[in-house]
PDB file of N, CA and C in Angstrom:
ATOM      1  N   MET A   1      28.394  42.922 119.281  1.00  0.00           N
ATOM      2  CA  MET A   1      26.964  44.187 119.084  1.00  0.00           C
ATOM      3  C   MET A   1      26.812  45.849 119.920  1.00  0.00           C
ATOM      4  N   SER A   2      26.251  46.660 119.826  1.00  0.00           N
ATOM      5  CA  SER A   2      26.839  47.393 120.429  1.00  0.00           C
ATOM      6  C   SER A   2      25.603  48.198 121.985  1.00  0.00           C
ATOM      7  N   LYS A   3      26.174  48.928 122.937  1.00  0.00           N
ATOM      8  CA  LYS A   3      25.167  48.353 123.578  1.00  0.00           C
ATOM      9  C   LYS A   3      23.690  49.029 123.058  1.00  0.00           C
ATOM     10  N   ILE A   4      23.633  50.089 122.392  1.00  0.00           N
ATOM     11  CA  ILE A   4      22.774  51.039 121.669  1.00  0.00           C
ATOM     12  C   ILE A   4      21.878  49.328 120.943  1.00  0.00           C
ATOM     13  N   ASN A   5      22.221  48.825 120.779  1.00  0.00           N
ATOM     14  CA  ASN A   5      21.963  47.284 119.422  1.00  0.00           C
ATOM     15  C   ASN A   5      21.135  46.521 120.319  1.00  0.00           C
ATOM     16  N   MET A   6      21.695  46.530 121.869  1.00  0.00           N
ATOM     17  CA  MET A   6      21.185  45.381 122.437  1.00  0.00           C
ATOM     18  C   MET A   6      20.233  46.039 123.895  1.00  0.00           C
ATOM     19  N   LEU A   7      19.630  47.598 123.831  1.00  0.00           N
ATOM     20  CA  LEU A   7      18.467  48.545 124.012  1.00  0.00           C
ATOM     21  C   LEU A   7      17.841  47.846 123.118  1.00  0.00           C
ATOM     22  N   HIS A   8      17.852  48.389 122.039  1.00  0.00           N
ATOM     23  CA  HIS A   8      17.148  48.049 121.397  1.00  0.00           C
ATOM     24  C   HIS A   8      16.065  46.715 120.637  1.00  0.00           C
ATOM     25  N   ILE A   9      17.285  46.081 121.003  1.00  0.00           N
ATOM     26  CA  ILE A   9      16.800  45.075 120.659  1.00  0.00           C
ATOM     27  C   ILE A   9      15.728  44.575 122.337  1.00  0.00           C
ATOM     28  N   LEU A  10      15.900  45.285 123.025  1.00  0.00           N
ATOM     29  CA  LEU A  10      15.519  44.667 124.486  1.00  0.00           C
ATOM     30  C   LEU A  10      13.858  44.754 124.438  1.00  0.00           C
ATOM     31  N   VAL A  11      14.651  46.101 124.058  1.00  0.00           N
ATOM     32  CA  VAL A  11      12.873  47.706 123.714  1.00  0.00           C
ATOM     33  C   VAL A  11      11.723  47.406 122.626  1.00  0.00           C
ATOM     34  N   SER A  12      12.581  46.107 121.752  1.00  0.00           N
ATOM     35  CA  SER A  12      11.139  46.763 120.141  1.00  0.00           C
ATOM     36  C   SER A  12      10.436  45.108 120.721  1.00  0.00           C
ATOM     37  N   THR A  13       9.010  45.329 122.022  1.00  0.00           N
ATOM     38  CA  THR A  13       8.926  44.025 121.662  1.00  0.00           C
ATOM     39  C   THR A  13       7.182  44.112 121.074  1.00  0.00           C
ATOM     40  N   LEU A  14       7.249  45.323 120.273  1.00  0.00           N
ATOM     41  CA  LEU A  14       6.277  45.325 120.024  1.00  0.00           C
ATOM     42  C   LEU A  14       4.743  44.336 119.124  1.00  0.00           C
ATOM     43  N   CYS A  15       3.356  44.776 118.662  1.00  0.00           N
ATOM     44  CA  CYS A  15       2.794  43.669 118.782  1.00  0.00           C
ATOM     45  C   CYS A  15       2.628  43.646 117.495  1.00  0.00           C
ATOM     46  N   PRO A  16       3.071  42.302 116.581  1.00  0.00           N
ATOM     47  CA  PRO A  16       3.687  42.067 115.522  1.00  0.00           C
ATOM     48  C   PRO A  16       2.838  42.791 114.824  1.00  0.00           C
ATOM     49  N   ALA A  17       1.146  42.786 115.094  1.00  0.00           N
ATOM     50  CA  ALA A  17       0.537  43.861 114.026  1.00  0.00           C
ATOM     51  C   ALA A  17       0.902  45.024 113.514  1.00  0.00           C
ATOM     52  N   ASP A  18       1.422  45.331 113.716  1.00  0.00           N
ATOM     53  CA  ASP A  18       2.503  47.291 113.760  1.00  0.00           C
ATOM     54  C   ASP A  18       3.100  46.947 112.309  1.00  0.00           C
ATOM     55  N   HIS A  19       3.471  45.876 112.359  1.00  0.00           N
ATOM     56  CA  HIS A  19       4.474  46.054 110.624  1.00  0.00           C
ATOM     57  C   HIS A  19       4.109  45.861 109.766  1.00  0.00           C
ATOM     58  N   LEU A  20       2.838  45.600 109.066  1.00  0.00           N
ATOM     59  CA  LEU A  20       2.704  45.713 107.886  1.00  0.00           C
ATOM     60  C   LEU A  20       1.063  47.183 107.387  1.00  0.00           C
ATOM     61  N   ALA A  21       1.456  48.021 106.814  1.00  0.00           N
ATOM     62  CA  ALA A  21       0.010  48.831 106.417  1.00  0.00           C
ATOM     63  C   ALA A  21      -0.304  48.980 105.152  1.00  0.00           C
ATOM     64  N   CYS A  22      -1.187  48.430 104.540  1.00  0.00           N
ATOM     65  CA  CYS A  22      -1.561  49.076 102.878  1.00  0.00           C
ATOM     66  C   CYS A  22      -2.566  49.905 102.454  1.00  0.00           C
ATOM     67  N   ASN A  23      -2.320  50.830 101.742  1.00  0.00           N
ATOM     68  CA  ASN A  23      -3.457  51.609 101.987  1.00  0.00           C
ATOM     69  C   ASN A  23      -4.659  50.973 101.227  1.00  0.00           C
ATOM     70  N   SER A  24      -5.852  51.520 101.556  1.00  0.00           N
ATOM     71  CA  SER A  24      -6.921  51.462 101.672  1.00  0.00           C
ATOM     72  C   SER A  24      -7.748  50.872 100.641  1.00  0.00           C
ATOM     73  N   LYS A  25      -7.850  52.048  99.417  1.00  0.00           N
ATOM     74  CA  LYS A  25      -8.101  51.801  98.394  1.00  0.00           C
ATOM     75  C   LYS A  25      -7.163  50.597  97.715  1.00  0.00           C
ATOM     76  N   VAL A  26      -6.088  50.557  97.958  1.00  0.00           N
ATOM     77  CA  VAL A  26      -5.461  49.280  97.059  1.00  0.00           C
ATOM     78  C   VAL A  26      -6.133  48.297  97.800  1.00  0.00           C
ATOM     79  N   TRP A  27      -5.832  47.893  98.964  1.00  0.00           N
ATOM     80  CA  TRP A  27      -6.350  46.514  99.654  1.00  0.00           C
ATOM     81  C   TRP A  27      -7.504  46.365  99.152  1.00  0.00           C
ATOM     82  N   LYS A  28      -9.109  47.291  99.003  1.00  0.00           N
ATOM     83  CA  LYS A  28      -9.727  46.549  98.143  1.00  0.00           C
ATOM     84  C   LYS A  28      -9.743  46.749  97.185  1.00  0.00           C
ATOM     85  N   LYS A  29      -9.343  46.785  95.708  1.00  0.00           N
ATOM     86  CA  LYS A  29      -9.123  46.221  95.028  1.00  0.00           C
ATOM     87  C   LYS A  29      -8.050  44.755  94.694  1.00  0.00           C
ATOM     88  N   LEU A  30      -8.082  44.634  95.793  1.00  0.00           N
ATOM     89  CA  LEU A  30      -7.391  43.211  95.843  1.00  0.00           C
ATOM     90  C   LEU A  30      -8.464  41.512  95.896  1.00  0.00           C
ATOM     91  N   LYS A  31      -8.197  40.477  94.735  1.00  0.00           N
ATOM     92  CA  LYS A  31      -8.981  39.834  95.148  1.00  0.00           C
ATOM     93  C   LYS A  31      -8.728  38.994  96.374  1.00  0.00           C
ATOM     94  N   LYS A  32      -9.916  38.275  96.413  1.00  0.00           N
ATOM     95  CA  LYS A  32     -10.103  37.566  98.007  1.00  0.00           C
ATOM     96  C   LYS A  32      -8.486  37.073  97.900  1.00  0.00           C
ATOM     97  N   HIS A  33      -8.364  35.984  97.443  1.00  0.00           N
ATOM     98  CA  HIS A  33      -6.937  35.322  97.712  1.00  0.00           C
ATOM     99  C   HIS A  33      -6.060  35.836  97.464  1.00  0.00           C
ATOM    100  N   GLU A  34      -5.933  37.392  96.477  1.00  0.00           N
ATOM    101  CA  GLU A  34      -4.474  38.221  97.129  1.00  0.00           C
ATOM    102  C   GLU A  34      -4.694  39.122  98.650  1.00  0.00           C
ATOM    103  N   ARG A  35      -6.367  39.047  99.221  1.00  0.00           N
ATOM    104  CA  ARG A  35      -5.767  39.887 100.272  1.00  0.00           C
ATOM    105  C   ARG A  35      -5.751  38.066 101.057  1.00  0.00           C
ATOM    106  N   GLY A  36      -6.150  37.243 101.041  1.00  0.00           N
ATOM    107  CA  GLY A  36      -5.508  36.308 101.884  1.00  0.00           C
ATOM    108  C   GLY A  36      -3.889  35.743 102.281  1.00  0.00           C
ATOM    109  N   ALA A  37      -3.946  35.596 100.979  1.00  0.00           N
ATOM    110  CA  ALA A  37      -2.031  35.705 100.944  1.00  0.00           C
ATOM    111  C   ALA A  37      -1.484  36.755 101.713  1.00  0.00           C
ATOM    112  N   MET A  38      -1.884  38.589 101.354  1.00  0.00           N
ATOM    113  CA  MET A  38      -1.257  38.852 102.578  1.00  0.00           C
ATOM    114  C   MET A  38      -1.906  38.484 103.797  1.00  0.00           C
ATOM    115  N   LYS A  39      -2.704  38.011 103.802  1.00  0.00           N
ATOM    116  CA  LYS A  39      -2.860  38.074 105.373  1.00  0.00           C
ATOM    117  C   LYS A  39      -2.131  36.518 106.131  1.00  0.00           C
ATOM    118  N   ALA A  40      -1.749  36.258 105.487  1.00  0.00           N
ATOM    119  CA  ALA A  40      -1.267  34.751 105.987  1.00  0.00           C
ATOM    120  C   ALA A  40       0.278  35.093 106.259  1.00  0.00           C
ATOM    121  N   GLY A  41       0.486  36.077 104.829  1.00  0.00           N
ATOM    122  CA  GLY A  41       1.932  36.582 104.753  1.00  0.00           C
ATOM    123  C   GLY A  41       2.123  37.010 106.326  1.00  0.00           C
ATOM    124  N   ILE A  42       1.064  38.024 106.699  1.00  0.00           N
ATOM    125  CA  ILE A  42       1.496  39.131 107.659  1.00  0.00           C
ATOM    126  C   ILE A  42       1.336  38.070 108.750  1.00  0.00           C
ATOM    127  N   GLU A  43       0.601  36.881 109.411  1.00  0.00           N
ATOM    128  CA  GLU A  43       0.263  36.581 110.375  1.00  0.00           C
ATOM    129  C   GLU A  43       1.532  35.712 110.409  1.00  0.00           C
ATOM    130  N   ILE A  44       2.702  35.071 109.189  1.00  0.00           N
ATOM    131  CA  ILE A  44       3.783  34.529 108.917  1.00  0.00           C
ATOM    132  C   ILE A  44       5.020  35.371 110.125  1.00  0.00           C
ATOM    133  N   ALA A  45       5.284  37.243 109.251  1.00  0.00           N
ATOM    134  CA  ALA A  45       5.823  37.622 109.504  1.00  0.00           C
ATOM    135  C   ALA A  45       5.832  38.058 110.600  1.00  0.00           C
ATOM    136  N   GLY A  46       4.715  38.588 111.436  1.00  0.00           N
ATOM    137  CA  GLY A  46       4.238  37.600 113.299  1.00  0.00           C
ATOM    138  C   GLY A  46       4.927  37.368 113.542  1.00  0.00           C
ATOM    139  N   ARG A  47       4.420  35.948 113.656  1.00  0.00           N
ATOM    140  CA  ARG A  47       5.598  34.871 114.231  1.00  0.00           C
ATOM    141  C   ARG A  47       6.813  35.078 113.901  1.00  0.00           C
ATOM    142  N   THR A  48       7.241  35.415 112.591  1.00  0.00           N
ATOM    143  CA  THR A  48       8.846  35.462 112.346  1.00  0.00           C
ATOM    144  C   THR A  48       9.224  36.282 113.474  1.00  0.00           C
ATOM    145  N   ILE A  49       8.943  37.052 113.531  1.00  0.00           N
ATOM    146  CA  ILE A  49       9.059  38.958 114.213  1.00  0.00           C
ATOM    147  C   ILE A  49       9.945  38.256 115.936  1.00  0.00           C
ATOM    148  N   THR A  50       8.159  37.967 116.164  1.00  0.00           N
ATOM    149  CA  THR A  50       7.688  37.215 118.019  1.00  0.00           C
ATOM    150  C   THR A  50       9.606  36.562 117.854  1.00  0.00           C
ATOM    151  N   SER A  51       9.681  36.238 117.081  1.00  0.00           N
ATOM    152  CA  SER A  51      10.239  34.880 117.925  1.00  0.00           C
ATOM    153  C   SER A  51      11.792  34.821 117.866  1.00  0.00           C
ATOM    154  N   LEU A  52      12.413  35.995 116.453  1.00  0.00           N
ATOM    155  CA  LEU A  52      13.193  36.786 116.381  1.00  0.00           C
ATOM    156  C   LEU A  52      13.458  36.768 117.271  1.00  0.00           C
ATOM    157  N   VAL A  53      12.709  38.007 118.063  1.00  0.00           N
ATOM    158  CA  VAL A  53      13.318  39.025 118.667  1.00  0.00           C
ATOM    159  C   VAL A  53      13.199  38.466 120.161  1.00  0.00           C
ATOM    160  N   GLU A  54      12.139  37.614 120.618  1.00  0.00           N
ATOM    161  CA  GLU A  54      12.654  36.846 121.629  1.00  0.00           C
ATOM    162  C   GLU A  54      13.941  35.892 121.541  1.00  0.00           C
ATOM    163  N   ARG A  55      14.786  35.657 120.398  1.00  0.00           N
ATOM    164  CA  ARG A  55      15.439  34.831 120.491  1.00  0.00           C
ATOM    165  C   ARG A  55      16.939  35.838 120.846  1.00  0.00           C
ATOM    166  N   LYS A  56      16.979  36.701 120.751  1.00  0.00           N
ATOM    167  CA  LYS A  56      17.866  38.341 120.122  1.00  0.00           C
ATOM    168  C   LYS A  56      17.533  38.025 121.499  1.00  0.00           C
ATOM    169  N   ASN A  57      17.139  38.639 122.351  1.00  0.00           N
ATOM    170  CA  ASN A  57      16.639  39.457 123.795  1.00  0.00           C
ATOM    171  C   ASN A  57      17.207  38.635 124.427  1.00  0.00           C
ATOM    172  N   ALA A  58      17.302  36.656 124.113  1.00  0.00           N
ATOM    173  CA  ALA A  58      17.975  35.868 125.655  1.00  0.00           C
ATOM    174  C   ALA A  58      19.146  36.164 125.250  1.00  0.00           C
ATOM    175  N   GLU A  59      19.856  36.059 123.869  1.00  0.00           N
ATOM    176  CA  GLU A  59      21.052  36.534 123.600  1.00  0.00           C
ATOM    177  C   GLU A  59      21.952  37.871 124.117  1.00  0.00           C
ATOM    178  N   ALA A  60      21.206  39.098 123.751  1.00  0.00           N
ATOM    179  CA  ALA A  60      21.227  39.952 124.960  1.00  0.00           C
ATOM    180  C   ALA A  60      21.645  40.198 125.956  1.00  0.00           C
ATOM    181  N   VAL A  61      20.829  39.125 126.803  1.00  0.00           N
ATOM    182  CA  VAL A  61      20.465  39.297 128.406  1.00  0.00           C
ATOM    183  C   VAL A  61      21.924  38.935 128.649  1.00  0.00           C
ATOM    184  N   LYS A  62      22.504  37.571 127.625  1.00  0.00           N
ATOM    185  CA  LYS A  62      22.962  37.053 128.041  1.00  0.00           C
ATOM    186  C   LYS A  62      24.651  38.218 128.195  1.00  0.00           C
ATOM    187  N   GLN A  63      24.345  38.200 126.825  1.00  0.00           N
ATOM    188  CA  GLN A  63      25.633  39.385 126.804  1.00  0.00           C
ATOM    189  C   GLN A  63      25.800  40.531 127.653  1.00  0.00           C
ATOM    190  N   LEU A  64      24.908  40.796 128.508  1.00  0.00           N
ATOM    191  CA  LEU A  64      24.895  42.293 129.283  1.00  0.00           C
ATOM    192  C   LEU A  64      24.749  41.805 130.559  1.00  0.00           C
ATOM    193  N   ALA A  65      24.862  39.794 130.608  1.00  0.00           N
ATOM    194  CA  ALA A  65      25.124  39.554 132.047  1.00  0.00           C
ATOM    195  C   ALA A  65      26.572  40.137 132.057  1.00  0.00           C
ATOM    196  N   GLY A  66      27.074  39.907 131.141  1.00  0.00           N
ATOM    197  CA  GLY A  66      28.931  39.179 131.319  1.00  0.00           C
ATOM    198  C   GLY A  66      29.687  40.725 131.249  1.00  0.00           C
ATOM    199  N   MET A  67      29.249  41.531 130.540  1.00  0.00           N
ATOM    200  CA  MET A  67      29.019  42.864 130.952  1.00  0.00           C
ATOM    201  C   MET A  67      28.744  43.263 132.109  1.00  0.00           C
ATOM    202  N   GLY A  68      28.535  42.596 133.250  1.00  0.00           N
ATOM    203  CA  GLY A  68      28.633  42.777 134.595  1.00  0.00           C
ATOM    204  C   GLY A  68      26.966  43.924 135.275  1.00  0.00           C
ATOM    205  N   VAL A  69      25.900  43.864 133.887  1.00  0.00           N
ATOM    206  CA  VAL A  69      24.747  44.302 133.906  1.00  0.00           C
ATOM    207  C   VAL A  69      23.633  43.837 134.177  1.00  0.00           C
ATOM    208  N   THR A  70      23.422  44.142 135.879  1.00  0.00           N
ATOM    209  CA  THR A  70      22.229  44.015 136.333  1.00  0.00           C
ATOM    210  C   THR A  70      20.725  44.267 135.518  1.00  0.00           C
ATOM    211  N   LEU A  71      19.994  43.412 135.434  1.00  0.00           N
ATOM    212  CA  LEU A  71      18.646  43.144 134.786  1.00  0.00           C
ATOM    213  C   LEU A  71      17.628  43.231 135.630  1.00  0.00           C
ATOM    214  N   HIS A  72      16.676  44.229 135.950  1.00  0.00           N
ATOM    215  CA  HIS A  72      16.237  43.842 136.933  1.00  0.00           C
ATOM    216  C   HIS A  72      14.510  43.439 136.797  1.00  0.00           C
ATOM    217  N   ASP A  73      14.046  42.577 136.655  1.00  0.00           N
ATOM    218  CA  ASP A  73      12.221  42.117 136.861  1.00  0.00           C
ATOM    219  C   ASP A  73      11.108  42.724 137.571  1.00  0.00           C
ATOM    220  N   TRP A  74      10.173  43.366 136.827  1.00  0.00           N
ATOM    221  CA  TRP A  74       9.048  44.776 138.199  1.00  0.00           C
ATOM    222  C   TRP A  74       8.973  43.378 138.885  1.00  0.00           C
ATOM    223  N   ALA A  75       7.733  43.592 140.245  1.00  0.00           N
ATOM    224  CA  ALA A  75       7.192  42.808 140.975  1.00  0.00           C
ATOM    225  C   ALA A  75       5.793  42.652 140.641  1.00  0.00           C
ATOM    226  N   PRO A  76       5.327  42.296 140.029  1.00  0.00           N
ATOM    227  CA  PRO A  76       3.408  41.238 139.557  1.00  0.00           C
ATOM    228  C   PRO A  76       2.999  42.982 139.648  1.00  0.00           C
ATOM    229  N   GLU A  77       2.568  43.373 141.818  1.00  0.00           N
ATOM    230  CA  GLU A  77       1.347  44.489 141.218  1.00  0.00           C
ATOM    231  C   GLU A  77       3.100  45.765 140.667  1.00  0.00           C
ATOM    232  N   ASP A  78       4.301  45.890 140.551  1.00  0.00           N
ATOM    233  CA  ASP A  78       4.577  47.280 140.315  1.00  0.00           C
ATOM    234  C   ASP A  78       4.205  47.189 138.504  1.00  0.00           C
ATOM    235  N   ARG A  79       4.453  46.131 137.688  1.00  0.00           N
ATOM    236  CA  ARG A  79       4.032  46.003 136.314  1.00  0.00           C
ATOM    237  C   ARG A  79       2.304  46.414 136.204  1.00  0.00           C
ATOM    238  N   ALA A  80       1.575  46.335 137.346  1.00  0.00           N
ATOM    239  CA  ALA A  80       0.103  46.631 137.342  1.00  0.00           C
ATOM    240  C   ALA A  80      -0.382  47.797 137.522  1.00  0.00           C
ATOM    241  N   LEU A  81       0.841  48.128 138.372  1.00  0.00           N
ATOM    242  CA  LEU A  81       0.445  49.540 138.662  1.00  0.00           C
ATOM    243  C   LEU A  81       0.877  50.799 136.953  1.00  0.00           C
ATOM    244  N   PHE A  82       1.951  50.114 136.321  1.00  0.00           N
ATOM    245  CA  PHE A  82       2.508  50.858 135.091  1.00  0.00           C
ATOM    246  C   PHE A  82       1.635  50.509 134.043  1.00  0.00           C
ATOM    247  N   ARG A  83       0.950  49.627 133.800  1.00  0.00           N
ATOM    248  CA  ARG A  83       0.213  49.134 133.003  1.00  0.00           C
ATOM    249  C   ARG A  83      -1.398  50.197 133.282  1.00  0.00           C
ATOM    250  N   ALA A  84      -1.978  50.179 134.204  1.00  0.00           N
ATOM    251  CA  ALA A  84      -2.910  50.638 134.992  1.00  0.00           C
ATOM    252  C   ALA A  84      -2.216  52.590 134.083  1.00  0.00           C
ATOM    253  N   SER A  85      -1.454  52.411 135.065  1.00  0.00           N
ATOM    254  CA  SER A  85      -1.091  54.001 134.070  1.00  0.00           C
ATOM    255  C   SER A  85      -0.710  54.087 132.756  1.00  0.00           C
ATOM    256  N   ALA A  86      -0.582  53.281 132.066  1.00  0.00           N
ATOM    257  CA  ALA A  86      -0.744  53.371 130.508  1.00  0.00           C
ATOM    258  C   ALA A  86      -1.392  53.749 129.607  1.00  0.00           C
ATOM    259  N   LEU A  87      -2.642  52.214 130.793  1.00  0.00           N
ATOM    260  CA  LEU A  87      -3.354  52.347 129.873  1.00  0.00           C
ATOM    261  C   LEU A  87      -4.384  53.912 129.566  1.00  0.00           C
ATOM    262  N   LYS A  88      -4.861  53.742 131.369  1.00  0.00           N
ATOM    263  CA  LYS A  88      -4.902  55.897 131.693  1.00  0.00           C
ATOM    264  C   LYS A  88      -4.517  57.120 130.445  1.00  0.00           C
ATOM    265  N   ALA A  89      -3.293  57.146 130.422  1.00  0.00           N
ATOM    266  CA  ALA A  89      -2.519  57.527 128.968  1.00  0.00           C
ATOM    267  C   ALA A  89      -2.745  57.107 128.148  1.00  0.00           C
ATOM    268  N   TRP A  90      -3.172  56.110 127.292  1.00  0.00           N
ATOM    269  CA  TRP A  90      -4.042  55.557 126.022  1.00  0.00           C
ATOM    270  C   TRP A  90      -5.410  55.673 125.205  1.00  0.00           C
ATOM    271  N   GLU A  91      -5.547  56.519 127.069  1.00  0.00           N
ATOM    272  CA  GLU A  91      -7.240  56.481 126.842  1.00  0.00           C
ATOM    273  C   GLU A  91      -7.261  58.522 126.053  1.00  0.00           C
ATOM    274  N   THR A  92      -6.552  58.655 126.313  1.00  0.00           N
ATOM    275  CA  THR A  92      -6.249  59.688 126.101  1.00  0.00           C
ATOM    276  C   THR A  92      -5.558  60.330 124.138  1.00  0.00           C
ATOM    277  N   TRP A  93      -4.964  58.813 124.471  1.00  0.00           N
ATOM    278  CA  TRP A  93      -3.916  58.959 122.647  1.00  0.00           C
ATOM    279  C   TRP A  93      -5.071  58.812 121.635  1.00  0.00           C
ATOM    280  N   LYS A  94      -6.391  57.084 122.258  1.00  0.00           N
ATOM    281  CA  LYS A  94      -7.095  57.598 121.309  1.00  0.00           C
ATOM    282  C   LYS A  94      -8.499  58.303 121.100  1.00  0.00           C
ATOM    283  N   THR A  95      -8.491  60.146 121.785  1.00  0.00           N
ATOM    284  CA  THR A  95      -8.898  60.594 121.090  1.00  0.00           C
ATOM    285  C   THR A  95      -8.296  61.375 119.989  1.00  0.00           C
ATOM    286  N   LYS A  96      -7.027  61.432 119.688  1.00  0.00           N
ATOM    287  CA  LYS A  96      -6.405  62.113 118.784  1.00  0.00           C
ATOM    288  C   LYS A  96      -6.916  61.880 116.964  1.00  0.00           C
ATOM    289  N   SER A  97      -6.827  60.581 116.684  1.00  0.00           N
ATOM    290  CA  SER A  97      -7.728  60.057 115.759  1.00  0.00           C
ATOM    291  C   SER A  97      -8.396  58.630 115.729  1.00  0.00           C
ATOM    292  N   PRO A  98      -9.252  58.452 114.998  1.00  0.00           N
ATOM    293  CA  PRO A  98      -9.729  56.439 115.008  1.00  0.00           C
ATOM    294  C   PRO A  98      -8.283  56.066 114.056  1.00  0.00           C
ATOM    295  N   GLU A  99      -7.462  56.110 113.522  1.00  0.00           N
ATOM    296  CA  GLU A  99      -6.608  55.715 113.294  1.00  0.00           C
ATOM    297  C   GLU A  99      -6.026  55.354 114.834  1.00  0.00           C
ATOM    298  N   ALA A 100      -5.896  55.949 115.603  1.00  0.00           N
ATOM    299  CA  ALA A 100      -5.373  55.793 116.996  1.00  0.00           C
ATOM    300  C   ALA A 100      -5.266  55.020 117.992  1.00  0.00           C
ATOM    301  N   ALA A 101      -7.405  55.419 118.250  1.00  0.00           N
ATOM    302  CA  ALA A 101      -7.833  54.833 118.584  1.00  0.00           C
ATOM    303  C   ALA A 101      -7.930  53.508 118.725  1.00  0.00           C
ATOM    304  N   GLN A 102      -8.254  52.858 116.732  1.00  0.00           N
ATOM    305  CA  GLN A 102      -7.944  51.832 116.433  1.00  0.00           C
ATOM    306  C   GLN A 102      -6.631  50.631 116.808  1.00  0.00           C
ATOM    307  N   LEU A 103      -4.978  50.968 116.648  1.00  0.00           N
ATOM    308  CA  LEU A 103      -3.725  50.798 117.064  1.00  0.00           C
ATOM    309  C   LEU A 103      -3.921  50.761 118.049  1.00  0.00           C
ATOM    310  N   ILE A 104      -4.336  50.664 119.179  1.00  0.00           N
ATOM    311  CA  ILE A 104      -4.204  51.081 121.154  1.00  0.00           C
ATOM    312  C   ILE A 104      -6.036  50.002 121.325  1.00  0.00           C
ATOM    313  N   GLU A 105      -6.540  49.883 120.027  1.00  0.00           N
ATOM    314  CA  GLU A 105      -7.508  48.506 120.522  1.00  0.00           C
ATOM    315  C   GLU A 105      -7.283  46.932 120.414  1.00  0.00           C
ATOM    316  N   MET A 106      -6.049  47.843 118.696  1.00  0.00           N
ATOM    317  CA  MET A 106      -5.879  45.856 118.570  1.00  0.00           C
ATOM    318  C   MET A 106      -4.314  45.691 119.624  1.00  0.00           C
ATOM    319  N   HIS A 107      -3.822  47.077 120.024  1.00  0.00           N
ATOM    320  CA  HIS A 107      -2.980  46.520 120.837  1.00  0.00           C
ATOM    321  C   HIS A 107      -3.170  46.243 122.078  1.00  0.00           C
ATOM    322  N   LYS A 108      -4.036  46.239 122.705  1.00  0.00           N
ATOM    323  CA  LYS A 108      -5.071  45.612 123.855  1.00  0.00           C
ATOM    324  C   LYS A 108      -6.101  44.357 123.622  1.00  0.00           C
ATOM    325  N   ALA A 109      -5.934  44.401 122.862  1.00  0.00           N
ATOM    326  CA  ALA A 109      -7.150  43.060 122.341  1.00  0.00           C
ATOM    327  C   ALA A 109      -5.048  42.274 122.232  1.00  0.00           C
ATOM    328  N   TYR A 110      -4.189  41.825 121.779  1.00  0.00           N
ATOM    329  CA  TYR A 110      -2.929  41.468 121.619  1.00  0.00           C
ATOM    330  C   TYR A 110      -2.328  41.212 123.067  1.00  0.00           C
ATOM    331  N   MET A 111      -2.573  41.954 124.119  1.00  0.00           N
ATOM    332  CA  MET A 111      -1.791  41.737 125.472  1.00  0.00           C
ATOM    333  C   MET A 111      -3.308  41.494 126.021  1.00  0.00           C
ATOM    334  N   LYS A 112      -3.702  41.292 125.847  1.00  0.00           N
ATOM    335  CA  LYS A 112      -5.654  40.622 126.820  1.00  0.00           C
ATOM    336  C   LYS A 112      -5.047  39.179 126.246  1.00  0.00           C
ATOM    337  N   ALA A 113      -5.311  38.959 124.764  1.00  0.00           N
ATOM    338  CA  ALA A 113      -4.724  37.332 124.739  1.00  0.00           C
ATOM    339  C   ALA A 113      -3.802  36.688 124.381  1.00  0.00           C
ATOM    340  N   ASN A 114      -2.408  37.299 125.115  1.00  0.00           N
ATOM    341  CA  ASN A 114      -1.196  36.851 125.462  1.00  0.00           C
ATOM    342  C   ASN A 114      -1.516  36.699 127.300  1.00  0.00           C
ATOM    343  N   GLY A 115      -2.043  36.965 128.006  1.00  0.00           N
ATOM    344  CA  GLY A 115      -1.639  37.611 128.994  1.00  0.00           C
ATOM    345  C   GLY A 115      -1.230  38.275 130.025  1.00  0.00           C
ATOM    346  N   ILE A 116      -1.211  39.364 129.384  1.00  0.00           N
ATOM    347  CA  ILE A 116      -0.767  40.921 129.329  1.00  0.00           C
ATOM    348  C   ILE A 116      -1.201  40.875 130.360  1.00  0.00           C
ATOM    349  N   LEU A 117      -2.445  41.553 129.834  1.00  0.00           N
ATOM    350  CA  LEU A 117      -3.661  42.509 129.985  1.00  0.00           C
ATOM    351  C   LEU A 117      -5.125  41.309 131.479  1.00  0.00           C
TER     352      LEU A 117
END
């Protein structure tokens, strides 16, 4: 595995909700059971992606350590400072479009639900 691929794995821990999009006109034409199947599929995909990323991250950490790379974990107060800065920047991005605002709110809700915020 190349260093670039390992880096991608380490930074690719995005919220699983952002991996599928459906045209709203198409969505509205779907039957209730079809929407339910899509939602179930999205949930399964999100869990699968999360599990895969966690497993690949653990593998990459071992490989990087074997290459002599030192990984640093931020102190909780440093993480809090970074997140406060990110949240401030996101407030600006929320004004760019209703979709940007919705995505940011979804991501914040995901982070809260998972104890990140």
